[in-house]
Amino acid sequence: MAEFFSTYESSIVYMVLEALLGLSLYLPLMAGQLSLASPGFYALGGYIAAILSTKVFPSSNNLFPIPLLLLEMLIAGLFSGILAVIVGIPALRLRGIYLAIATIAFVEVLRVVSLNLDITGGAVGIFGIPQPFQSQIEYLWIAIPLLLISMVLFYRLERIRTGRAFIAIREDELAASAMGINPTYYKVLAFTLGAILAGIVGVISAHFLNTWNARQGTFDASITYLTIVLIGGSRTFLGSVVGAIVLKVLLEIILRRIADIAGLPNWLSQFLRDGRLIIYGILIVLGTIFFPQGFVTPDILKTLQTKLKKLIFKTSKRTSNYDG
């Protein structure tokens, strides 16, 4: 087990971070908005962490203080939320593919801006971002609690008035508007909450990678996060978590193990190692055809919940009979 964690510690941390980024993309989808802006806010959070930790909060200690890391996460979430409101109010008047194109353009604008600013290090980026932990696997001490807190909040969100408003807008915006729901308000709210989460994850990633540049927030990243949500399931927040686990295990462990098998043609081994975006595209096509709602759907969750209740009831009944 220790050898497994030492070999795949980077992949395990990435899996948790990608699950969080999948959740940031799920929020606008929950309100029926195909927004691909999460990589832009993710990059913004990373730049905020890189600039603050290297220029504003330089530490003489070996490890970067955890309280300062939490402060960076707070600042990144605040800036991401403000920018999301500014961008979201005009952009979310668009729908469908037009909104997707607008959010991709937003990501590209941020990338080009970061390439041309001195404070962001231009094309080279910012190096030497201090580490708050001694090893990569220790980042789970902050990534897993953040994921668990997010999952609890998403679970509650799907069951309160705000979450039901998101779902109503997704199902039929005109009918939701007729029931007194303000579509603009709730779409901007969903977009903003997703941006805040993406910005916070960007802070953790910047320290984890030890460097940050314009390549971190690109259109490629948008496809990655969209694949996570679509494959895992776009109708429940658990889909993003399951999608991140499935894709990371598939791409980082299984396919790389297959690529290392002796005797495979060089082109096939290279494709299995580096053809990630092509594989993502294939998965999106196949998933849309055979699993239109992803692996995890509300119906599956209801079935599992019913079976679990029956199992608990039978177990408790046997226990009571035994006691009697």
Foldseek 3Di string as FASTA:
>chain_A
DVVVCVVCVVLVLVLLLLLLLLLLQLLLVLLQANALQLLQLLQQLLLLLLLCDPPVVDDPDQADDPVVLVVSLVVSLVVLLVVLLVLQLVLVVDGDPSSHVSSQVVLVVSLCVLLPDVSQVHQVGGAQRGHNDDDSNCLCVVSVVVSVVVQVVQVVLCVDPLSVLSNVSNVPVVVSVVVVRDSSVSSSVSNSVSSSSSSSSSSSVSNSVRTHHSVSRHVLVSLVSVLQDLAQFSAGSVSNSVSSVVLSCVLVPVLQVVLPDPPDDPVSSCCSNPVSSVVSVVSNVVCCVPPVGHPDDPVVVVVVVVVVVVVVVVVVVVVVVVVD
